[in-house]
Amino acid sequence: MLNSDPPSATITATICTNSTTSSERGTLRSNSPPLVPRIRRYLDRELNLRDSQQEAWRRHWTIETLAALERHLARDQETGRFSHGDQPTLADICLVGHAVVAAMLQIDLKPWPTVKRIFETCMALPEFATAHPLAQPDTPEAMRPKKA
């Protein structure tokens, strides 16, 4: 959940104006992780899937997405510290969204080393860390990471 002044707003604005073409932005906007409410409603109301079926569906498409990202990033000459070079772009925001969903589904990123490295690089930045869904003030207590 983002408030009206999300910590990542500056990065997002820079990415949208400097790093992608309009066709790339359209492609990335449609790249929603499989946990967004719109998709959950569709699986529940339109397909009438039970919770276990929805979980299997989400896991399947999350793994497929991570594999596709890894194939692309591992061979792309433009891949650097981040998905497209050495500065964060909108592609990294999308990648982080999918990696966060993987973590929520308890999917280890180990099989996708490039995705894992870029995710960890992004999360080391305060703009990404403070925008993490579990770092939001309205995150239910049961979902918050346990403090050591």
Protein backbone atom coordinates (compact mmCIF):
# COMPACT_ATOMS: atom_id res chain seq x y z
CA MET A 1 0.00 0.00 0.00
CA LEU A 2 1.39 3.38 -0.94
CA ASN A 3 0.50 6.61 0.77
CA SER A 4 0.04 9.88 -1.12
CA ASP A 5 3.78 10.59 -1.05
CA PRO A 6 5.45 7.23 -1.73
CA PRO A 7 9.20 7.03 -1.00
CA SER A 8 9.83 5.76 -4.53
CA ALA A 9 8.04 8.64 -6.30
CA THR A 10 11.28 10.34 -7.36
CA ILE A 11 12.74 7.15 -8.81
CA THR A 12 9.47 6.37 -10.59
CA ALA A 13 9.25 9.82 -12.16
CA THR A 14 12.85 9.64 -13.35
CA ILE A 15 12.34 6.18 -14.76
CA CYS A 16 9.13 7.07 -16.57
CA THR A 17 10.56 10.16 -18.22
CA ASN A 18 14.12 9.06 -18.97
CA SER A 19 14.42 5.31 -19.20
CA THR A 20 11.61 3.82 -21.23
CA THR A 21 9.76 4.48 -24.44
CA SER A 22 5.99 4.80 -24.41
CA SER A 23 5.63 1.28 -25.81
CA GLU A 24 7.88 -0.12 -23.06
CA ARG A 25 5.84 1.70 -20.40
CA GLY A 26 2.68 0.13 -21.79
CA THR A 27 4.23 -3.30 -21.66
CA LEU A 28 5.52 -2.83 -18.14
CA ARG A 29 2.24 -1.45 -16.83
CA SER A 30 0.47 -4.63 -17.86
CA ASN A 31 3.07 -6.76 -16.08
CA SER A 32 1.11 -7.14 -12.82
CA PRO A 33 2.21 -9.62 -10.18
CA PRO A 34 -0.42 -12.37 -9.76
CA LEU A 35 -1.55 -11.20 -6.30
CA VAL A 36 -3.16 -7.90 -7.26
CA PRO A 37 -6.83 -7.64 -6.18
CA ARG A 38 -8.12 -7.55 -9.77
CA ILE A 39 -6.57 -10.95 -10.49
CA ARG A 40 -7.62 -12.45 -7.15
CA ARG A 41 -11.24 -11.37 -7.81
CA TYR A 42 -11.14 -12.90 -11.28
CA LEU A 43 -9.81 -16.22 -9.99
CA ASP A 44 -12.43 -16.28 -7.25
CA ARG A 45 -15.54 -14.88 -8.92
CA GLU A 46 -15.10 -15.75 -12.59
CA LEU A 47 -13.17 -19.02 -12.40
CA ASN A 48 -14.53 -20.05 -9.00
CA LEU A 49 -11.17 -21.48 -7.94
CA ARG A 50 -10.68 -22.77 -4.41
CA ASP A 51 -7.87 -21.25 -2.31
CA SER A 52 -5.52 -24.16 -3.02
CA GLN A 53 -6.15 -23.83 -6.77
CA GLN A 54 -5.55 -20.09 -6.63
CA GLU A 55 -2.30 -20.67 -4.74
CA ALA A 56 -1.14 -23.20 -7.37
CA TRP A 57 -2.08 -20.77 -10.15
CA ARG A 58 -0.14 -17.90 -8.51
CA ARG A 59 2.91 -20.09 -7.88
CA HIS A 60 2.90 -21.38 -11.47
CA TRP A 61 2.76 -17.92 -13.07
CA THR A 62 5.23 -16.42 -10.60
CA ILE A 63 7.75 -19.15 -11.43
CA GLU A 64 7.10 -18.72 -15.17
CA THR A 65 7.65 -14.97 -14.83
CA LEU A 66 10.88 -15.36 -12.84
CA ALA A 67 12.20 -17.85 -15.39
CA ALA A 68 11.40 -15.51 -18.29
CA LEU A 69 13.04 -12.58 -16.48
CA GLU A 70 16.14 -14.65 -15.79
CA ARG A 71 16.42 -15.82 -19.41
CA HIS A 72 16.19 -12.25 -20.64
CA LEU A 73 18.40 -10.58 -18.04
CA ALA A 74 21.12 -13.23 -18.08
CA ARG A 75 21.73 -12.82 -21.81
CA ASP A 76 20.99 -9.11 -22.31
CA GLN A 77 24.14 -7.02 -22.73
CA GLU A 78 22.36 -4.03 -21.15
CA THR A 79 21.91 -5.84 -17.83
CA GLY A 80 24.18 -4.26 -15.26
CA ARG A 81 23.79 -3.71 -11.54
CA PHE A 82 20.10 -3.33 -12.38
CA SER A 83 17.81 -4.70 -15.08
CA HIS A 84 18.87 -2.16 -17.68
CA GLY A 85 22.23 -0.67 -16.79
CA ASP A 86 23.64 0.62 -13.55
CA GLN A 87 20.75 2.84 -12.47
CA PRO A 88 17.29 1.67 -11.39
CA THR A 89 14.57 1.82 -14.04
CA LEU A 90 10.89 0.99 -14.22
CA ALA A 91 11.96 -2.55 -15.14
CA ASP A 92 13.51 -2.89 -11.67
CA ILE A 93 10.30 -1.74 -9.99
CA CYS A 94 8.47 -4.48 -11.91
CA LEU A 95 11.14 -7.09 -11.10
CA VAL A 96 10.98 -6.22 -7.39
CA GLY A 97 7.20 -6.62 -7.46
CA HIS A 98 7.52 -10.14 -8.82
CA ALA A 99 10.32 -11.03 -6.38
CA VAL A 100 8.21 -9.79 -3.45
CA VAL A 101 5.32 -11.96 -4.61
CA ALA A 102 7.73 -14.91 -4.84
CA ALA A 103 8.81 -14.30 -1.24
CA MET A 104 5.17 -14.11 -0.12
CA LEU A 105 4.57 -17.44 -1.86
CA GLN A 106 7.75 -18.84 -0.26
CA ILE A 107 9.48 -19.30 -3.61
CA ASP A 108 13.26 -19.16 -3.26
CA LEU A 109 14.99 -16.99 -5.88
CA LYS A 110 18.07 -19.23 -5.96
CA PRO A 111 17.20 -20.82 -9.36
CA TRP A 112 17.24 -17.32 -10.91
CA PRO A 113 20.60 -15.80 -9.87
CA THR A 114 20.39 -12.66 -12.02
CA VAL A 115 16.89 -11.86 -10.75
CA LYS A 116 18.03 -12.55 -7.19
CA ARG A 117 21.10 -10.29 -7.53
CA ILE A 118 19.13 -7.41 -9.02
CA PHE A 119 16.38 -7.79 -6.40
CA GLU A 120 18.95 -7.64 -3.60
CA THR A 121 20.65 -4.64 -5.22
CA CYS A 122 17.32 -2.83 -5.43
CA MET A 123 16.32 -3.66 -1.87
CA ALA A 124 19.60 -2.21 -0.61
CA LEU A 125 18.33 1.20 -1.76
CA PRO A 126 16.18 3.04 0.78
CA GLU A 127 13.62 3.97 -1.90
CA PHE A 128 12.91 0.31 -2.58
CA ALA A 129 13.19 -0.89 1.02
CA THR A 130 10.73 1.69 2.36
CA ALA A 131 8.28 1.00 -0.49
CA HIS A 132 8.18 -2.74 0.29
CA PRO A 133 4.57 -3.83 0.97
CA LEU A 134 5.50 -5.22 4.39
CA ALA A 135 7.09 -1.89 5.38
CA GLN A 136 3.85 0.06 4.92
CA PRO A 137 2.06 1.48 7.98
CA ASP A 138 -1.17 -0.37 7.14
CA THR A 139 0.48 -3.79 6.89
CA PRO A 140 -1.40 -6.19 9.20
CA GLU A 141 0.69 -7.14 12.24
CA ALA A 142 0.44 -10.85 11.38
CA MET A 143 2.22 -10.18 8.05
CA ARG A 144 5.05 -8.06 9.48
CA PRO A 145 8.51 -9.63 9.71
CA LYS A 146 9.33 -10.88 13.18
CA LYS A 147 11.88 -8.76 15.00
CA ALA A 148 14.87 -10.63 16.41
